């Protein structure tokens, strides 16, 4: 199946140094995404108003908890953030004792957990890891990575995918009935011979993986067998992550990064409307039933756009 039109238009004109982590909130009907290096969570209201929350640390990925709360991954912690009040509830420290690393790509899993990757702030190899937060605990799943990316899950819950951007490989990890890794990961796509670096990814309702290619200005669709079956070209080089959204989940949003890209529109957020394939609604993050203290972390910041 192919996309009838691959025309990408600008969705949001605010420049992100490192746009990442697009998330369509199914209850709010609203897209959220991050500028990691700018410490910002970005969104637009249903009326088209620019929304932004500024944090004192890098933030990179999120899952939705309920109508007003997101679980957010930062360079130091996983926390729940109330969009209406600006209150933060810490859930778990995330390599808080290592000032040289930060969070990167992440996504909620179908069991109500949340997977998150970490990496060296310099991108140095060997410092990256992937964790799963589930049932109130954070467990390290894999270490010794460069830049973990492309975390997403099969519609039938049989597997997770993730990439190491620096190693140019996308992996398929079988999962058990509770969503934990079962057995060794398998190479899904090896892009080393082509010199292509896989970035963020999302899975559609047909079980195909849409992967952004860092440095190549593309989002490529892979079949469940790892074959390229479609692609979308964007007018920027540093495409970072796609996300399905819209009322019918047939809009594809794509974030990009301005750092390292001389394209005139680098760092903007893009939209490809009227896709021929449908995305999957993002699963809800399920919180443990414990009382945690709250602190105000961020303030909504008015913006005038680009």
C-alpha atoms as a PDB file:
ATOM      1  CA  UNK A   1       0.000   0.000   0.000  1.00  0.00           C
ATOM      2  CA  UNK A   2       1.333   3.461  -0.855  1.00  0.00           C
ATOM      3  CA  UNK A   3       0.628   6.984   0.286  1.00  0.00           C
ATOM      4  CA  UNK A   4      -1.463   8.867  -2.330  1.00  0.00           C
ATOM      5  CA  UNK A   5       0.392  12.105  -1.705  1.00  0.00           C
ATOM      6  CA  UNK A   6       3.796  12.540  -0.118  1.00  0.00           C
ATOM      7  CA  UNK A   7       3.542  16.304   0.048  1.00  0.00           C
ATOM      8  CA  UNK A   8       4.776  17.464   3.441  1.00  0.00           C
ATOM      9  CA  UNK A   9       3.746  20.881   4.668  1.00  0.00           C
ATOM     10  CA  UNK A  10       4.908  22.870   7.657  1.00  0.00           C
ATOM     11  CA  UNK A  11       2.787  22.143  10.721  1.00  0.00           C
ATOM     12  CA  UNK A  12       4.596  24.418  13.198  1.00  0.00           C
ATOM     13  CA  UNK A  13       7.061  27.224  12.462  1.00  0.00           C
ATOM     14  CA  UNK A  14       8.940  27.241  15.765  1.00  0.00           C
ATOM     15  CA  UNK A  15      12.544  26.151  15.287  1.00  0.00           C
ATOM     16  CA  UNK A  16      13.727  23.226  17.413  1.00  0.00           C
ATOM     17  CA  UNK A  17      17.432  22.732  17.893  1.00  0.00           C
ATOM     18  CA  UNK A  18      16.622  19.052  18.330  1.00  0.00           C
ATOM     19  CA  UNK A  19      12.947  18.305  17.744  1.00  0.00           C
ATOM     20  CA  UNK A  20      11.943  14.871  19.029  1.00  0.00           C
ATOM     21  CA  UNK A  21       9.329  12.717  20.723  1.00  0.00           C
ATOM     22  CA  UNK A  22       6.087  13.627  18.883  1.00  0.00           C
ATOM     23  CA  UNK A  23       3.064  12.230  20.736  1.00  0.00           C
ATOM     24  CA  UNK A  24      -0.579  12.441  19.662  1.00  0.00           C
ATOM     25  CA  UNK A  25      -2.741  12.548  22.794  1.00  0.00           C
ATOM     26  CA  UNK A  26      -5.850  10.545  21.835  1.00  0.00           C
ATOM     27  CA  UNK A  27      -8.129  12.140  24.427  1.00  0.00           C
ATOM     28  CA  UNK A  28      -7.075  15.738  23.953  1.00  0.00           C
ATOM     29  CA  UNK A  29      -6.789  15.442  20.172  1.00  0.00           C
ATOM     30  CA  UNK A  30      -3.521  17.322  20.455  1.00  0.00           C
ATOM     31  CA  UNK A  31       0.093  16.830  19.351  1.00  0.00           C
ATOM     32  CA  UNK A  32       2.964  17.263  21.808  1.00  0.00           C
ATOM     33  CA  UNK A  33       6.659  17.220  20.960  1.00  0.00           C
ATOM     34  CA  UNK A  34      10.008  18.315  22.408  1.00  0.00           C
ATOM     35  CA  UNK A  35      12.985  20.500  21.658  1.00  0.00           C
ATOM     36  CA  UNK A  36      15.478  18.456  23.640  1.00  0.00           C
ATOM     37  CA  UNK A  37      18.369  20.905  23.615  1.00  0.00           C
ATOM     38  CA  UNK A  38      16.024  23.820  24.289  1.00  0.00           C
ATOM     39  CA  UNK A  39      14.397  22.122  27.311  1.00  0.00           C
ATOM     40  CA  UNK A  40      10.925  22.698  25.855  1.00  0.00           C
ATOM     41  CA  UNK A  41       7.684  20.770  25.550  1.00  0.00           C
ATOM     42  CA  UNK A  42       5.717  22.153  22.603  1.00  0.00           C
ATOM     43  CA  UNK A  43       2.123  21.854  21.442  1.00  0.00           C
ATOM     44  CA  UNK A  44      -0.685  23.683  19.698  1.00  0.00           C
ATOM     45  CA  UNK A  45      -4.182  24.106  21.036  1.00  0.00           C
ATOM     46  CA  UNK A  46      -7.159  22.852  18.984  1.00  0.00           C
ATOM     47  CA  UNK A  47      -7.676  26.515  18.037  1.00  0.00           C
ATOM     48  CA  UNK A  48      -4.123  26.714  16.660  1.00  0.00           C
ATOM     49  CA  UNK A  49      -2.528  28.650  19.534  1.00  0.00           C
ATOM     50  CA  UNK A  50       1.189  27.997  20.102  1.00  0.00           C
ATOM     51  CA  UNK A  51       1.822  26.386  23.502  1.00  0.00           C
ATOM     52  CA  UNK A  52       5.151  25.810  25.208  1.00  0.00           C
ATOM     53  CA  UNK A  53       6.454  24.707  28.601  1.00  0.00           C
ATOM     54  CA  UNK A  54      10.051  25.485  29.539  1.00  0.00           C
ATOM     55  CA  UNK A  55      12.030  23.149  31.834  1.00  0.00           C
ATOM     56  CA  UNK A  56      15.350  23.643  33.646  1.00  0.00           C
ATOM     57  CA  UNK A  57      16.702  20.407  32.132  1.00  0.00           C
ATOM     58  CA  UNK A  58      16.550  18.555  28.832  1.00  0.00           C
ATOM     59  CA  UNK A  59      13.290  16.705  28.168  1.00  0.00           C
ATOM     60  CA  UNK A  60      12.870  14.254  25.324  1.00  0.00           C
ATOM     61  CA  UNK A  61       9.863  11.894  25.318  1.00  0.00           C
ATOM     62  CA  UNK A  62       6.419  11.405  26.827  1.00  0.00           C
ATOM     63  CA  UNK A  63       3.430   9.131  27.225  1.00  0.00           C
ATOM     64  CA  UNK A  64      -0.081  10.142  28.235  1.00  0.00           C
ATOM     65  CA  UNK A  65      -1.470   9.289  31.667  1.00  0.00           C
ATOM     66  CA  UNK A  66      -4.933  10.878  31.536  1.00  0.00           C
ATOM     67  CA  UNK A  67      -6.620  13.957  30.080  1.00  0.00           C
ATOM     68  CA  UNK A  68      -4.262  16.438  31.741  1.00  0.00           C
ATOM     69  CA  UNK A  69      -1.101  14.539  32.683  1.00  0.00           C
ATOM     70  CA  UNK A  70       1.906  13.269  30.763  1.00  0.00           C
ATOM     71  CA  UNK A  71       4.732  11.031  31.868  1.00  0.00           C
ATOM     72  CA  UNK A  72       7.880  12.865  30.738  1.00  0.00           C
ATOM     73  CA  UNK A  73      11.465  11.643  30.470  1.00  0.00           C
ATOM     74  CA  UNK A  74      14.170  14.174  31.287  1.00  0.00           C
ATOM     75  CA  UNK A  75      17.938  13.974  31.567  1.00  0.00           C
ATOM     76  CA  UNK A  76      17.598  13.133  35.263  1.00  0.00           C
ATOM     77  CA  UNK A  77      14.201  11.533  35.905  1.00  0.00           C
ATOM     78  CA  UNK A  78      10.875  10.163  34.835  1.00  0.00           C
ATOM     79  CA  UNK A  79       8.104  12.384  36.154  1.00  0.00           C
ATOM     80  CA  UNK A  80       4.401  13.048  35.742  1.00  0.00           C
ATOM     81  CA  UNK A  81       3.615  16.556  34.526  1.00  0.00           C
ATOM     82  CA  UNK A  82       0.218  18.241  34.866  1.00  0.00           C
ATOM     83  CA  UNK A  83      -0.399  20.358  31.778  1.00  0.00           C
ATOM     84  CA  UNK A  84      -2.981  22.531  33.524  1.00  0.00           C
ATOM     85  CA  UNK A  85      -1.166  23.303  36.782  1.00  0.00           C
ATOM     86  CA  UNK A  86       2.506  22.866  35.871  1.00  0.00           C
ATOM     87  CA  UNK A  87       3.016  20.472  38.783  1.00  0.00           C
ATOM     88  CA  UNK A  88       5.597  17.688  38.615  1.00  0.00           C
ATOM     89  CA  UNK A  89       5.452  14.310  40.369  1.00  0.00           C
ATOM     90  CA  UNK A  90       8.722  12.390  40.316  1.00  0.00           C
ATOM     91  CA  UNK A  91       8.463   8.654  39.621  1.00  0.00           C
ATOM     92  CA  UNK A  92      12.038   7.438  39.201  1.00  0.00           C
ATOM     93  CA  UNK A  93      15.567   8.769  38.889  1.00  0.00           C
ATOM     94  CA  UNK A  94      17.074   8.207  35.441  1.00  0.00           C
ATOM     95  CA  UNK A  95      20.887   8.084  35.562  1.00  0.00           C
ATOM     96  CA  UNK A  96      20.660  11.079  37.876  1.00  0.00           C
ATOM     97  CA  UNK A  97      24.169  10.365  39.184  1.00  0.00           C
ATOM     98  CA  UNK A  98      25.700  10.719  35.708  1.00  0.00           C
ATOM     99  CA  UNK A  99      25.799  14.347  34.502  1.00  0.00           C
ATOM    100  CA  UNK A 100      27.240  13.238  31.146  1.00  0.00           C
ATOM    101  CA  UNK A 101      24.082  11.450  29.929  1.00  0.00           C
ATOM    102  CA  UNK A 102      20.518  12.423  29.067  1.00  0.00           C
ATOM    103  CA  UNK A 103      17.295  10.775  27.976  1.00  0.00           C
ATOM    104  CA  UNK A 104      16.483  10.400  24.292  1.00  0.00           C
ATOM    105  CA  UNK A 105      13.785   8.445  22.458  1.00  0.00           C
ATOM    106  CA  UNK A 106      10.942   6.772  24.378  1.00  0.00           C
ATOM    107  CA  UNK A 107       7.412   5.459  24.088  1.00  0.00           C
ATOM    108  CA  UNK A 108       4.624   3.895  26.176  1.00  0.00           C
ATOM    109  CA  UNK A 109       4.218   0.155  25.724  1.00  0.00           C
ATOM    110  CA  UNK A 110       0.901  -1.723  25.309  1.00  0.00           C
ATOM    111  CA  UNK A 111       1.001  -2.956  28.933  1.00  0.00           C
ATOM    112  CA  UNK A 112       0.972   0.553  30.404  1.00  0.00           C
ATOM    113  CA  UNK A 113       4.719   0.746  30.876  1.00  0.00           C
ATOM    114  CA  UNK A 114       7.208   3.156  29.343  1.00  0.00           C
ATOM    115  CA  UNK A 115      10.490   2.478  27.527  1.00  0.00           C
ATOM    116  CA  UNK A 116      13.189   5.141  27.440  1.00  0.00           C
ATOM    117  CA  UNK A 117      16.685   5.355  26.013  1.00  0.00           C
ATOM    118  CA  UNK A 118      19.623   7.279  27.421  1.00  0.00           C
ATOM    119  CA  UNK A 119      22.805   8.468  25.700  1.00  0.00           C
ATOM    120  CA  UNK A 120      25.935  10.525  26.236  1.00  0.00           C
ATOM    121  CA  UNK A 121      25.259  14.227  25.746  1.00  0.00           C
ATOM    122  CA  UNK A 122      28.219  14.262  23.372  1.00  0.00           C
ATOM    123  CA  UNK A 123      26.931  11.219  21.465  1.00  0.00           C
ATOM    124  CA  UNK A 124      29.984   9.207  22.524  1.00  0.00           C
ATOM    125  CA  UNK A 125      29.542   5.452  21.964  1.00  0.00           C
ATOM    126  CA  UNK A 126      28.987   2.938  24.738  1.00  0.00           C
ATOM    127  CA  UNK A 127      27.157   5.204  27.194  1.00  0.00           C
ATOM    128  CA  UNK A 128      23.599   4.550  25.955  1.00  0.00           C
ATOM    129  CA  UNK A 129      21.023   2.245  27.507  1.00  0.00           C
ATOM    130  CA  UNK A 130      17.362   1.305  27.248  1.00  0.00           C
ATOM    131  CA  UNK A 131      15.131   1.075  30.324  1.00  0.00           C
ATOM    132  CA  UNK A 132      11.574  -0.010  30.991  1.00  0.00           C
ATOM    133  CA  UNK A 133       9.474   1.651  33.667  1.00  0.00           C
ATOM    134  CA  UNK A 134       6.611  -0.644  34.682  1.00  0.00           C
ATOM    135  CA  UNK A 135       4.607  -1.245  37.834  1.00  0.00           C
ATOM    136  CA  UNK A 136       6.498   1.395  39.766  1.00  0.00           C
ATOM    137  CA  UNK A 137      10.038   0.229  39.013  1.00  0.00           C
ATOM    138  CA  UNK A 138      12.667   1.120  36.433  1.00  0.00           C
ATOM    139  CA  UNK A 139      14.708  -1.744  34.965  1.00  0.00           C
ATOM    140  CA  UNK A 140      17.640  -1.545  32.588  1.00  0.00           C
ATOM    141  CA  UNK A 141      17.063  -3.725  29.529  1.00  0.00           C
ATOM    142  CA  UNK A 142      20.199  -3.121  27.457  1.00  0.00           C
ATOM    143  CA  UNK A 143      23.407  -1.139  27.896  1.00  0.00           C
ATOM    144  CA  UNK A 144      26.553  -0.371  25.958  1.00  0.00           C
ATOM    145  CA  UNK A 145      24.673   1.431  23.201  1.00  0.00           C
ATOM    146  CA  UNK A 146      25.449   4.626  21.348  1.00  0.00           C
ATOM    147  CA  UNK A 147      22.205   6.493  20.587  1.00  0.00           C
ATOM    148  CA  UNK A 148      19.058   4.455  21.361  1.00  0.00           C
ATOM    149  CA  UNK A 149      16.142   5.373  19.099  1.00  0.00           C
ATOM    150  CA  UNK A 150      13.070   4.064  17.255  1.00  0.00           C
ATOM    151  CA  UNK A 151      11.378   2.491  20.284  1.00  0.00           C
ATOM    152  CA  UNK A 152       7.972   1.121  19.197  1.00  0.00           C
ATOM    153  CA  UNK A 153       5.829  -1.991  19.525  1.00  0.00           C
ATOM    154  CA  UNK A 154       4.097  -4.569  17.344  1.00  0.00           C
ATOM    155  CA  UNK A 155       0.270  -4.338  17.275  1.00  0.00           C
ATOM    156  CA  UNK A 156       0.015  -7.954  18.487  1.00  0.00           C
ATOM    157  CA  UNK A 157       2.425  -7.255  21.392  1.00  0.00           C
ATOM    158  CA  UNK A 158       4.860  -9.895  20.165  1.00  0.00           C
ATOM    159  CA  UNK A 159       7.877  -7.617  19.853  1.00  0.00           C
ATOM    160  CA  UNK A 160       9.489  -4.229  20.328  1.00  0.00           C
ATOM    161  CA  UNK A 161      11.737  -2.445  17.881  1.00  0.00           C
ATOM    162  CA  UNK A 162      14.590  -0.119  18.706  1.00  0.00           C
ATOM    163  CA  UNK A 163      17.602   1.276  16.897  1.00  0.00           C
ATOM    164  CA  UNK A 164      21.117   2.335  17.686  1.00  0.00           C
ATOM    165  CA  UNK A 165      21.510   5.374  15.456  1.00  0.00           C
ATOM    166  CA  UNK A 166      25.279   5.441  15.737  1.00  0.00           C
ATOM    167  CA  UNK A 167      25.560   1.742  14.808  1.00  0.00           C
ATOM    168  CA  UNK A 168      23.005   2.099  11.960  1.00  0.00           C
ATOM    169  CA  UNK A 169      20.999  -0.971  13.006  1.00  0.00           C
ATOM    170  CA  UNK A 170      17.303  -1.446  13.869  1.00  0.00           C
ATOM    171  CA  UNK A 171      16.646  -4.382  16.189  1.00  0.00           C
ATOM    172  CA  UNK A 172      13.527  -6.491  16.759  1.00  0.00           C
ATOM    173  CA  UNK A 173      13.194  -7.707  20.346  1.00  0.00           C
ATOM    174  CA  UNK A 174      10.710 -10.546  21.100  1.00  0.00           C
ATOM    175  CA  UNK A 175       8.584  -9.903  24.192  1.00  0.00           C
ATOM    176  CA  UNK A 176       6.899 -12.184  26.700  1.00  0.00           C
ATOM    177  CA  UNK A 177       3.267 -11.962  27.793  1.00  0.00           C
ATOM    178  CA  UNK A 178       4.083  -9.221  30.323  1.00  0.00           C
ATOM    179  CA  UNK A 179       6.056  -7.096  27.865  1.00  0.00           C
ATOM    180  CA  UNK A 180       9.569  -7.995  29.016  1.00  0.00           C
ATOM    181  CA  UNK A 181      12.338  -8.985  26.558  1.00  0.00           C
ATOM    182  CA  UNK A 182      12.340 -12.694  25.808  1.00  0.00           C
ATOM    183  CA  UNK A 183      15.465 -14.053  24.166  1.00  0.00           C
ATOM    184  CA  UNK A 184      18.055 -12.159  22.178  1.00  0.00           C
ATOM    185  CA  UNK A 185      17.217  -9.223  19.899  1.00  0.00           C
ATOM    186  CA  UNK A 186      17.336  -9.901  16.158  1.00  0.00           C
ATOM    187  CA  UNK A 187      18.639  -7.597  13.443  1.00  0.00           C
ATOM    188  CA  UNK A 188      15.588  -6.142  11.694  1.00  0.00           C
ATOM    189  CA  UNK A 189      17.369  -3.740   9.339  1.00  0.00           C
ATOM    190  CA  UNK A 190      21.120  -3.287   8.923  1.00  0.00           C
ATOM    191  CA  UNK A 191      21.833   0.099   7.339  1.00  0.00           C
ATOM    192  CA  UNK A 192      25.599   0.049   7.825  1.00  0.00           C
ATOM    193  CA  UNK A 193      26.366  -0.837   4.182  1.00  0.00           C
ATOM    194  CA  UNK A 194      24.344   2.220   3.068  1.00  0.00           C
ATOM    195  CA  UNK A 195      25.775   4.579   5.670  1.00  0.00           C
ATOM    196  CA  UNK A 196      22.238   5.525   6.787  1.00  0.00           C
ATOM    197  CA  UNK A 197      21.400   6.363  10.409  1.00  0.00           C
ATOM    198  CA  UNK A 198      17.950   5.347  11.709  1.00  0.00           C
ATOM    199  CA  UNK A 199      16.307   7.757  14.122  1.00  0.00           C
ATOM    200  CA  UNK A 200      12.821   7.694  15.687  1.00  0.00           C
ATOM    201  CA  UNK A 201      10.053   5.370  14.503  1.00  0.00           C
ATOM    202  CA  UNK A 202       6.370   4.538  14.853  1.00  0.00           C
ATOM    203  CA  UNK A 203       4.292   1.497  13.854  1.00  0.00           C
ATOM    204  CA  UNK A 204       1.077   1.664  11.820  1.00  0.00           C
ATOM    205  CA  UNK A 205      -2.063  -0.466  12.140  1.00  0.00           C
ATOM    206  CA  UNK A 206      -0.721  -2.930   9.557  1.00  0.00           C
ATOM    207  CA  UNK A 207       2.345  -3.651  11.650  1.00  0.00           C
ATOM    208  CA  UNK A 208       4.731  -1.706   9.409  1.00  0.00           C
ATOM    209  CA  UNK A 209       7.453   0.482  10.862  1.00  0.00           C
ATOM    210  CA  UNK A 210       7.923   4.105   9.761  1.00  0.00           C
ATOM    211  CA  UNK A 211      11.484   5.215  10.495  1.00  0.00           C
ATOM    212  CA  UNK A 212      12.999   8.697  10.228  1.00  0.00           C
ATOM    213  CA  UNK A 213      16.469   8.744   8.685  1.00  0.00           C
ATOM    214  CA  UNK A 214      18.818  11.212  10.351  1.00  0.00           C
ATOM    215  CA  UNK A 215      20.777  13.152   7.774  1.00  0.00           C
ATOM    216  CA  UNK A 216      18.791  11.820   4.809  1.00  0.00           C
ATOM    217  CA  UNK A 217      15.575  13.878   5.001  1.00  0.00           C
ATOM    218  CA  UNK A 218      13.345  10.815   4.777  1.00  0.00           C
ATOM    219  CA  UNK A 219      10.765   8.751   6.597  1.00  0.00           C
ATOM    220  CA  UNK A 220      10.812   5.171   5.303  1.00  0.00           C
ATOM    221  CA  UNK A 221       8.159   2.497   5.735  1.00  0.00           C
ATOM    222  CA  UNK A 222       9.348  -1.064   6.398  1.00  0.00           C
ATOM    223  CA  UNK A 223       7.223  -4.190   6.107  1.00  0.00           C
ATOM    224  CA  UNK A 224       7.108  -6.563   9.113  1.00  0.00           C
ATOM    225  CA  UNK A 225       9.862  -8.485   7.293  1.00  0.00           C
ATOM    226  CA  UNK A 226      12.121  -5.431   7.107  1.00  0.00           C
ATOM    227  CA  UNK A 227      11.640  -4.573   3.425  1.00  0.00           C
ATOM    228  CA  UNK A 228      11.300  -0.952   2.255  1.00  0.00           C
ATOM    229  CA  UNK A 229       7.796  -0.505   0.853  1.00  0.00           C
ATOM    230  CA  UNK A 230       7.349   3.277   0.896  1.00  0.00           C
ATOM    231  CA  UNK A 231       9.133   6.520   1.688  1.00  0.00           C
ATOM    232  CA  UNK A 232       8.426  10.199   2.242  1.00  0.00           C
ATOM    233  CA  UNK A 233      10.951  12.907   1.409  1.00  0.00           C
ATOM    234  CA  UNK A 234      11.136  16.109   3.452  1.00  0.00           C
ATOM    235  CA  UNK A 235      12.962  19.358   2.580  1.00  0.00           C
ATOM    236  CA  UNK A 236      15.208  19.115   5.640  1.00  0.00           C
ATOM    237  CA  UNK A 237      18.105  16.782   6.334  1.00  0.00           C
ATOM    238  CA  UNK A 238      17.757  16.002  10.041  1.00  0.00           C
ATOM    239  CA  UNK A 239      14.398  14.227  10.249  1.00  0.00           C
ATOM    240  CA  UNK A 240      14.084  12.791  13.759  1.00  0.00           C
ATOM    241  CA  UNK A 241      10.775  11.062  14.529  1.00  0.00           C
ATOM    242  CA  UNK A 242       7.306  10.447  13.016  1.00  0.00           C
ATOM    243  CA  UNK A 243       3.964  10.108  14.814  1.00  0.00           C
ATOM    244  CA  UNK A 244       0.477   9.339  13.573  1.00  0.00           C
ATOM    245  CA  UNK A 245      -2.302  11.669  14.703  1.00  0.00           C
ATOM    246  CA  UNK A 246      -5.482  13.451  13.759  1.00  0.00           C
ATOM    247  CA  UNK A 247      -9.024  12.316  14.493  1.00  0.00           C
ATOM    248  CA  UNK A 248      -8.662   9.366  12.105  1.00  0.00           C
ATOM    249  CA  UNK A 249      -4.945   8.723  12.802  1.00  0.00           C
ATOM    250  CA  UNK A 250      -4.185   9.293   9.117  1.00  0.00           C
ATOM    251  CA  UNK A 251      -1.949  12.324   9.575  1.00  0.00           C
ATOM    252  CA  UNK A 252       1.786  11.798   9.914  1.00  0.00           C
ATOM    253  CA  UNK A 253       3.720  14.393  11.919  1.00  0.00           C
ATOM    254  CA  UNK A 254       7.506  14.544  11.657  1.00  0.00           C
ATOM    255  CA  UNK A 255       9.924  16.448  13.886  1.00  0.00           C
ATOM    256  CA  UNK A 256      13.310  17.740  12.743  1.00  0.00           C
ATOM    257  CA  UNK A 257      16.487  19.294  14.110  1.00  0.00           C
ATOM    258  CA  UNK A 258      18.097  22.617  13.257  1.00  0.00           C
ATOM    259  CA  UNK A 259      21.493  21.811  14.765  1.00  0.00           C
ATOM    260  CA  UNK A 260      23.779  20.530  12.033  1.00  0.00           C
ATOM    261  CA  UNK A 261      21.344  21.310   9.205  1.00  0.00           C
ATOM    262  CA  UNK A 262      21.676  24.324   6.907  1.00  0.00           C
ATOM    263  CA  UNK A 263      18.276  23.765   5.262  1.00  0.00           C
ATOM    264  CA  UNK A 264      16.142  26.951   5.449  1.00  0.00           C
ATOM    265  CA  UNK A 265      13.338  25.147   7.282  1.00  0.00           C
ATOM    266  CA  UNK A 266      15.481  22.951   9.521  1.00  0.00           C
ATOM    267  CA  UNK A 267      14.054  22.376  12.981  1.00  0.00           C
ATOM    268  CA  UNK A 268      10.417  22.822  12.002  1.00  0.00           C
ATOM    269  CA  UNK A 269       7.658  20.270  12.581  1.00  0.00           C
ATOM    270  CA  UNK A 270       6.011  18.773   9.499  1.00  0.00           C
ATOM    271  CA  UNK A 271       2.687  17.228   8.526  1.00  0.00           C
ATOM    272  CA  UNK A 272       1.771  14.753   5.799  1.00  0.00           C
ATOM    273  CA  UNK A 273      -2.040  14.643   5.695  1.00  0.00           C
ATOM    274  CA  UNK A 274      -4.446  12.036   4.294  1.00  0.00           C
ATOM    275  CA  UNK A 275      -2.187   9.031   4.597  1.00  0.00           C
ATOM    276  CA  UNK A 276      -3.481   5.838   2.998  1.00  0.00           C
ATOM    277  CA  UNK A 277      -2.538   3.895   6.141  1.00  0.00           C
ATOM    278  CA  UNK A 278      -3.815   4.367   9.664  1.00  0.00           C
ATOM    279  CA  UNK A 279      -1.733   4.742  12.776  1.00  0.00           C
ATOM    280  CA  UNK A 280      -2.325   3.194  16.164  1.00  0.00           C
ATOM    281  CA  UNK A 281      -3.545   5.134  19.216  1.00  0.00           C
ATOM    282  CA  UNK A 282      -0.758   5.534  21.742  1.00  0.00           C
ATOM    283  CA  UNK A 283      -1.356   3.375  24.843  1.00  0.00           C
ATOM    284  CA  UNK A 284      -1.894   4.976  28.207  1.00  0.00           C
ATOM    285  CA  UNK A 285       0.821   4.921  30.863  1.00  0.00           C
ATOM    286  CA  UNK A 286      -0.560   3.232  33.999  1.00  0.00           C
ATOM    287  CA  UNK A 287       0.694   4.728  37.263  1.00  0.00           C
ATOM    288  CA  UNK A 288       1.112   2.789  40.515  1.00  0.00           C
ATOM    289  CA  UNK A 289      -1.333   3.687  43.244  1.00  0.00           C
ATOM    290  CA  UNK A 290       1.056   5.543  45.508  1.00  0.00           C
ATOM    291  CA  UNK A 291       1.018   9.088  46.800  1.00  0.00           C
ATOM    292  CA  UNK A 292       4.007  11.158  45.682  1.00  0.00           C
ATOM    293  CA  UNK A 293       4.931  14.744  46.449  1.00  0.00           C
ATOM    294  CA  UNK A 294       4.527  17.430  43.818  1.00  0.00           C
ATOM    295  CA  UNK A 295       6.754  20.332  42.913  1.00  0.00           C
ATOM    296  CA  UNK A 296       6.230  23.028  40.319  1.00  0.00           C
ATOM    297  CA  UNK A 297       8.761  22.464  37.535  1.00  0.00           C
ATOM    298  CA  UNK A 298       7.658  24.352  34.458  1.00  0.00           C
ATOM    299  CA  UNK A 299       5.598  27.273  33.344  1.00  0.00           C
ATOM    300  CA  UNK A 300       3.575  27.649  30.188  1.00  0.00           C
ATOM    301  CA  UNK A 301       5.441  30.113  27.988  1.00  0.00           C
ATOM    302  CA  UNK A 302       3.608  32.225  25.391  1.00  0.00           C
ATOM    303  CA  UNK A 303       5.310  32.268  22.018  1.00  0.00           C
ATOM    304  CA  UNK A 304       4.858  34.286  18.879  1.00  0.00           C
ATOM    305  CA  UNK A 305       6.124  31.536  16.559  1.00  0.00           C
ATOM    306  CA  UNK A 306       9.094  31.552  14.287  1.00  0.00           C
END
